[in-house]
């Protein structure tokens, strides 16, 4: 029996890493809960704003988990998003700092198309989305994380950007 399990694991190791996501009503990770609660407080007080609320003391302990996307429009629609801020944890996720890069440069075409649709929804609806993500290779789950997607205001309060929190489970 042990030999069969080891053979399955060895076969799985040769497979590519794939991500599956499912929506959650509320986050379970403490860092994700903290971020969503801060966002809700700031939204109720006029809106979570880049430059005032991030960076700030309220998000200092989770700043390494955060990324800010600025929409890049083409013909009046969000065609891509540029990473304006990227915490240190994002190096783990992407293998390098994504700061300054466009989303289309850090994801495969298929992942980009899927992710940009979700981010467009966050911007258009003005509501948060919480996702559970599992990174697996075959039957083996290698990473579990929660992703919090939040609409935020740019510093001038003229455009909605997206704040992303990525929180890994141990």
C-alpha atoms as a PDB file:
ATOM      1  CA  UNK A   1       0.000   0.000   0.000  1.00  0.00           C
ATOM      2  CA  UNK A   2       2.799   2.442   0.936  1.00  0.00           C
ATOM      3  CA  UNK A   3       4.501   1.732  -2.402  1.00  0.00           C
ATOM      4  CA  UNK A   4       1.285   2.652  -4.253  1.00  0.00           C
ATOM      5  CA  UNK A   5       1.010   5.948  -2.369  1.00  0.00           C
ATOM      6  CA  UNK A   6       4.660   6.770  -3.085  1.00  0.00           C
ATOM      7  CA  UNK A   7       4.128   5.958  -6.785  1.00  0.00           C
ATOM      8  CA  UNK A   8       1.106   8.303  -6.852  1.00  0.00           C
ATOM      9  CA  UNK A   9       3.120  11.076  -5.195  1.00  0.00           C
ATOM     10  CA  UNK A  10       6.026  10.565  -7.601  1.00  0.00           C
ATOM     11  CA  UNK A  11       3.638  10.712 -10.567  1.00  0.00           C
ATOM     12  CA  UNK A  12       2.018  13.843  -9.140  1.00  0.00           C
ATOM     13  CA  UNK A  13       5.418  15.548  -8.753  1.00  0.00           C
ATOM     14  CA  UNK A  14       5.838  15.571 -12.548  1.00  0.00           C
ATOM     15  CA  UNK A  15       2.555  17.374 -13.089  1.00  0.00           C
ATOM     16  CA  UNK A  16       2.316  21.130 -13.366  1.00  0.00           C
ATOM     17  CA  UNK A  17       1.031  23.207 -10.494  1.00  0.00           C
ATOM     18  CA  UNK A  18      -2.591  24.245 -10.924  1.00  0.00           C
ATOM     19  CA  UNK A  19      -4.767  26.594  -8.935  1.00  0.00           C
ATOM     20  CA  UNK A  20      -8.415  26.111  -8.106  1.00  0.00           C
ATOM     21  CA  UNK A  21     -10.442  28.898  -6.532  1.00  0.00           C
ATOM     22  CA  UNK A  22     -13.841  29.026  -4.926  1.00  0.00           C
ATOM     23  CA  UNK A  23     -15.690  32.003  -3.444  1.00  0.00           C
ATOM     24  CA  UNK A  24     -16.202  32.366   0.297  1.00  0.00           C
ATOM     25  CA  UNK A  25     -18.879  34.420   2.047  1.00  0.00           C
ATOM     26  CA  UNK A  26     -16.378  35.506   4.716  1.00  0.00           C
ATOM     27  CA  UNK A  27     -12.640  34.973   5.146  1.00  0.00           C
ATOM     28  CA  UNK A  28     -11.297  32.377   7.579  1.00  0.00           C
ATOM     29  CA  UNK A  29      -7.663  33.492   7.760  1.00  0.00           C
ATOM     30  CA  UNK A  30      -7.056  36.018  10.559  1.00  0.00           C
ATOM     31  CA  UNK A  31      -5.065  38.354   8.306  1.00  0.00           C
ATOM     32  CA  UNK A  32      -7.805  38.275   5.676  1.00  0.00           C
ATOM     33  CA  UNK A  33     -10.422  38.989   8.344  1.00  0.00           C
ATOM     34  CA  UNK A  34      -8.381  41.946   9.615  1.00  0.00           C
ATOM     35  CA  UNK A  35      -8.025  43.407   6.112  1.00  0.00           C
ATOM     36  CA  UNK A  36     -11.717  43.060   5.314  1.00  0.00           C
ATOM     37  CA  UNK A  37     -12.721  44.641   8.645  1.00  0.00           C
ATOM     38  CA  UNK A  38     -10.376  47.612   8.081  1.00  0.00           C
ATOM     39  CA  UNK A  39     -11.742  48.030   4.557  1.00  0.00           C
ATOM     40  CA  UNK A  40     -15.338  47.971   5.817  1.00  0.00           C
ATOM     41  CA  UNK A  41     -14.567  50.631   8.459  1.00  0.00           C
ATOM     42  CA  UNK A  42     -12.854  52.903   5.923  1.00  0.00           C
ATOM     43  CA  UNK A  43     -15.590  52.398   3.307  1.00  0.00           C
ATOM     44  CA  UNK A  44     -18.205  53.436   5.873  1.00  0.00           C
ATOM     45  CA  UNK A  45     -16.144  56.591   6.555  1.00  0.00           C
ATOM     46  CA  UNK A  46     -15.917  57.748   2.937  1.00  0.00           C
ATOM     47  CA  UNK A  47     -13.847  55.055   1.235  1.00  0.00           C
ATOM     48  CA  UNK A  48     -10.576  53.189   1.558  1.00  0.00           C
ATOM     49  CA  UNK A  49      -8.028  55.430  -0.172  1.00  0.00           C
ATOM     50  CA  UNK A  50      -4.525  54.768  -1.489  1.00  0.00           C
ATOM     51  CA  UNK A  51      -2.048  57.134   0.153  1.00  0.00           C
ATOM     52  CA  UNK A  52      -4.156  57.594   3.260  1.00  0.00           C
ATOM     53  CA  UNK A  53      -5.222  54.083   4.269  1.00  0.00           C
ATOM     54  CA  UNK A  54      -2.377  52.244   2.621  1.00  0.00           C
ATOM     55  CA  UNK A  55       0.233  52.473   3.873  1.00  0.00           C
ATOM     56  CA  UNK A  56      -1.066  53.154   7.375  1.00  0.00           C
ATOM     57  CA  UNK A  57      -0.662  51.830  10.887  1.00  0.00           C
ATOM     58  CA  UNK A  58      -3.907  49.887  10.641  1.00  0.00           C
ATOM     59  CA  UNK A  59      -2.506  47.677   7.843  1.00  0.00           C
ATOM     60  CA  UNK A  60       1.164  47.712   8.879  1.00  0.00           C
ATOM     61  CA  UNK A  61       1.222  44.143  10.212  1.00  0.00           C
ATOM     62  CA  UNK A  62      -0.272  42.726   6.993  1.00  0.00           C
ATOM     63  CA  UNK A  63       1.378  45.106   4.503  1.00  0.00           C
ATOM     64  CA  UNK A  64       3.674  42.284   3.331  1.00  0.00           C
ATOM     65  CA  UNK A  65       0.536  40.399   2.146  1.00  0.00           C
ATOM     66  CA  UNK A  66      -0.867  43.246   0.064  1.00  0.00           C
ATOM     67  CA  UNK A  67      -0.785  44.226  -3.570  1.00  0.00           C
ATOM     68  CA  UNK A  68      -2.396  47.239  -5.230  1.00  0.00           C
ATOM     69  CA  UNK A  69      -3.519  47.105  -8.864  1.00  0.00           C
ATOM     70  CA  UNK A  70      -4.094  50.225 -10.951  1.00  0.00           C
ATOM     71  CA  UNK A  71      -6.403  49.668 -13.935  1.00  0.00           C
ATOM     72  CA  UNK A  72      -4.947  50.203 -17.406  1.00  0.00           C
ATOM     73  CA  UNK A  73      -7.744  51.187 -19.742  1.00  0.00           C
ATOM     74  CA  UNK A  74      -8.043  50.799 -23.477  1.00  0.00           C
ATOM     75  CA  UNK A  75     -11.050  52.173 -25.348  1.00  0.00           C
ATOM     76  CA  UNK A  76     -12.796  52.932 -22.045  1.00  0.00           C
ATOM     77  CA  UNK A  77     -12.494  49.421 -20.604  1.00  0.00           C
ATOM     78  CA  UNK A  78     -10.067  47.809 -18.158  1.00  0.00           C
ATOM     79  CA  UNK A  79      -7.655  45.954 -20.450  1.00  0.00           C
ATOM     80  CA  UNK A  80      -4.948  45.152 -17.880  1.00  0.00           C
ATOM     81  CA  UNK A  81      -3.845  46.147 -14.385  1.00  0.00           C
ATOM     82  CA  UNK A  82      -0.454  47.451 -13.231  1.00  0.00           C
ATOM     83  CA  UNK A  83       0.974  46.407  -9.866  1.00  0.00           C
ATOM     84  CA  UNK A  84       1.637  49.648  -7.951  1.00  0.00           C
ATOM     85  CA  UNK A  85       2.451  48.130  -4.530  1.00  0.00           C
ATOM     86  CA  UNK A  86       3.600  44.593  -3.768  1.00  0.00           C
ATOM     87  CA  UNK A  87       4.410  43.258  -0.300  1.00  0.00           C
ATOM     88  CA  UNK A  88       7.250  40.824   0.351  1.00  0.00           C
ATOM     89  CA  UNK A  89       4.936  37.782   0.532  1.00  0.00           C
ATOM     90  CA  UNK A  90       4.184  38.290  -3.158  1.00  0.00           C
ATOM     91  CA  UNK A  91       7.755  37.282  -4.019  1.00  0.00           C
ATOM     92  CA  UNK A  92       6.837  33.826  -2.713  1.00  0.00           C
ATOM     93  CA  UNK A  93       3.724  33.722  -4.878  1.00  0.00           C
ATOM     94  CA  UNK A  94       5.335  34.978  -8.095  1.00  0.00           C
ATOM     95  CA  UNK A  95       9.026  34.117  -7.674  1.00  0.00           C
ATOM     96  CA  UNK A  96       9.995  37.799  -7.947  1.00  0.00           C
ATOM     97  CA  UNK A  97       8.552  41.160  -7.023  1.00  0.00           C
ATOM     98  CA  UNK A  98       5.655  41.951  -9.357  1.00  0.00           C
ATOM     99  CA  UNK A  99       5.839  45.703  -8.573  1.00  0.00           C
ATOM    100  CA  UNK A 100       5.661  47.793 -11.734  1.00  0.00           C
ATOM    101  CA  UNK A 101       4.572  44.884 -13.921  1.00  0.00           C
ATOM    102  CA  UNK A 102       1.257  44.425 -15.624  1.00  0.00           C
ATOM    103  CA  UNK A 103      -0.957  41.546 -14.629  1.00  0.00           C
ATOM    104  CA  UNK A 104      -0.651  40.164 -18.158  1.00  0.00           C
ATOM    105  CA  UNK A 105       3.118  39.876 -17.583  1.00  0.00           C
ATOM    106  CA  UNK A 106       2.916  37.850 -14.369  1.00  0.00           C
ATOM    107  CA  UNK A 107       0.185  35.352 -15.274  1.00  0.00           C
ATOM    108  CA  UNK A 108      -0.252  32.913 -18.140  1.00  0.00           C
ATOM    109  CA  UNK A 109      -2.796  33.999 -20.755  1.00  0.00           C
ATOM    110  CA  UNK A 110      -5.437  31.634 -19.348  1.00  0.00           C
ATOM    111  CA  UNK A 111      -4.878  32.775 -15.742  1.00  0.00           C
ATOM    112  CA  UNK A 112      -4.835  36.421 -16.830  1.00  0.00           C
ATOM    113  CA  UNK A 113      -8.200  36.111 -18.595  1.00  0.00           C
ATOM    114  CA  UNK A 114      -9.749  34.466 -15.544  1.00  0.00           C
ATOM    115  CA  UNK A 115      -8.268  36.917 -13.018  1.00  0.00           C
ATOM    116  CA  UNK A 116      -9.002  40.085 -14.982  1.00  0.00           C
ATOM    117  CA  UNK A 117     -12.693  39.195 -15.233  1.00  0.00           C
ATOM    118  CA  UNK A 118     -12.870  38.853 -11.445  1.00  0.00           C
ATOM    119  CA  UNK A 119     -11.039  42.145 -10.905  1.00  0.00           C
ATOM    120  CA  UNK A 120     -13.299  43.937 -13.389  1.00  0.00           C
ATOM    121  CA  UNK A 121     -16.234  42.648 -11.346  1.00  0.00           C
ATOM    122  CA  UNK A 122     -14.719  44.047  -8.114  1.00  0.00           C
ATOM    123  CA  UNK A 123     -14.223  47.459  -9.745  1.00  0.00           C
ATOM    124  CA  UNK A 124     -17.653  47.581 -11.404  1.00  0.00           C
ATOM    125  CA  UNK A 125     -19.656  46.314  -8.423  1.00  0.00           C
ATOM    126  CA  UNK A 126     -17.618  48.106  -5.775  1.00  0.00           C
ATOM    127  CA  UNK A 127     -17.880  45.095  -3.493  1.00  0.00           C
ATOM    128  CA  UNK A 128     -15.275  42.725  -2.065  1.00  0.00           C
ATOM    129  CA  UNK A 129     -14.678  39.173  -3.204  1.00  0.00           C
ATOM    130  CA  UNK A 130     -13.068  36.560  -0.959  1.00  0.00           C
ATOM    131  CA  UNK A 131     -11.623  33.429  -2.550  1.00  0.00           C
ATOM    132  CA  UNK A 132     -10.210  30.194  -1.216  1.00  0.00           C
ATOM    133  CA  UNK A 133      -7.298  29.044  -3.361  1.00  0.00           C
ATOM    134  CA  UNK A 134      -5.607  25.659  -3.472  1.00  0.00           C
ATOM    135  CA  UNK A 135      -2.427  25.096  -5.433  1.00  0.00           C
ATOM    136  CA  UNK A 136      -2.112  21.415  -6.263  1.00  0.00           C
ATOM    137  CA  UNK A 137       0.010  19.057  -8.255  1.00  0.00           C
ATOM    138  CA  UNK A 138      -2.043  15.987  -9.103  1.00  0.00           C
ATOM    139  CA  UNK A 139      -3.797  14.907  -5.911  1.00  0.00           C
ATOM    140  CA  UNK A 140      -1.370  16.707  -3.602  1.00  0.00           C
ATOM    141  CA  UNK A 141      -2.373  20.150  -2.309  1.00  0.00           C
ATOM    142  CA  UNK A 142       0.876  22.106  -1.970  1.00  0.00           C
ATOM    143  CA  UNK A 143      -0.479  25.475  -0.824  1.00  0.00           C
ATOM    144  CA  UNK A 144      -3.707  26.773   0.603  1.00  0.00           C
ATOM    145  CA  UNK A 145      -4.427  30.465   0.762  1.00  0.00           C
ATOM    146  CA  UNK A 146      -7.146  33.060   0.868  1.00  0.00           C
ATOM    147  CA  UNK A 147      -7.327  35.970  -1.511  1.00  0.00           C
ATOM    148  CA  UNK A 148      -9.271  39.114  -0.628  1.00  0.00           C
ATOM    149  CA  UNK A 149     -10.101  41.462  -3.526  1.00  0.00           C
ATOM    150  CA  UNK A 150     -11.215  44.949  -2.504  1.00  0.00           C
ATOM    151  CA  UNK A 151     -12.206  48.019  -4.500  1.00  0.00           C
ATOM    152  CA  UNK A 152     -10.298  51.071  -3.228  1.00  0.00           C
ATOM    153  CA  UNK A 153      -9.973  54.696  -4.317  1.00  0.00           C
ATOM    154  CA  UNK A 154      -6.856  56.161  -5.892  1.00  0.00           C
ATOM    155  CA  UNK A 155      -5.291  59.089  -4.007  1.00  0.00           C
ATOM    156  CA  UNK A 156      -7.380  61.644  -5.930  1.00  0.00           C
ATOM    157  CA  UNK A 157     -10.623  59.731  -5.266  1.00  0.00           C
ATOM    158  CA  UNK A 158     -11.342  59.699  -9.014  1.00  0.00           C
ATOM    159  CA  UNK A 159     -10.783  56.064  -9.940  1.00  0.00           C
ATOM    160  CA  UNK A 160     -11.361  52.660  -8.388  1.00  0.00           C
ATOM    161  CA  UNK A 161      -8.270  50.491  -8.013  1.00  0.00           C
ATOM    162  CA  UNK A 162      -8.043  47.010  -6.496  1.00  0.00           C
ATOM    163  CA  UNK A 163      -6.363  46.046  -3.237  1.00  0.00           C
ATOM    164  CA  UNK A 164      -5.480  42.359  -3.066  1.00  0.00           C
ATOM    165  CA  UNK A 165      -4.596  40.529   0.137  1.00  0.00           C
ATOM    166  CA  UNK A 166      -2.938  37.124  -0.177  1.00  0.00           C
ATOM    167  CA  UNK A 167      -2.833  35.082   3.022  1.00  0.00           C
ATOM    168  CA  UNK A 168      -1.196  31.641   3.259  1.00  0.00           C
ATOM    169  CA  UNK A 169      -2.294  28.917   5.636  1.00  0.00           C
ATOM    170  CA  UNK A 170       0.506  27.003   7.370  1.00  0.00           C
END
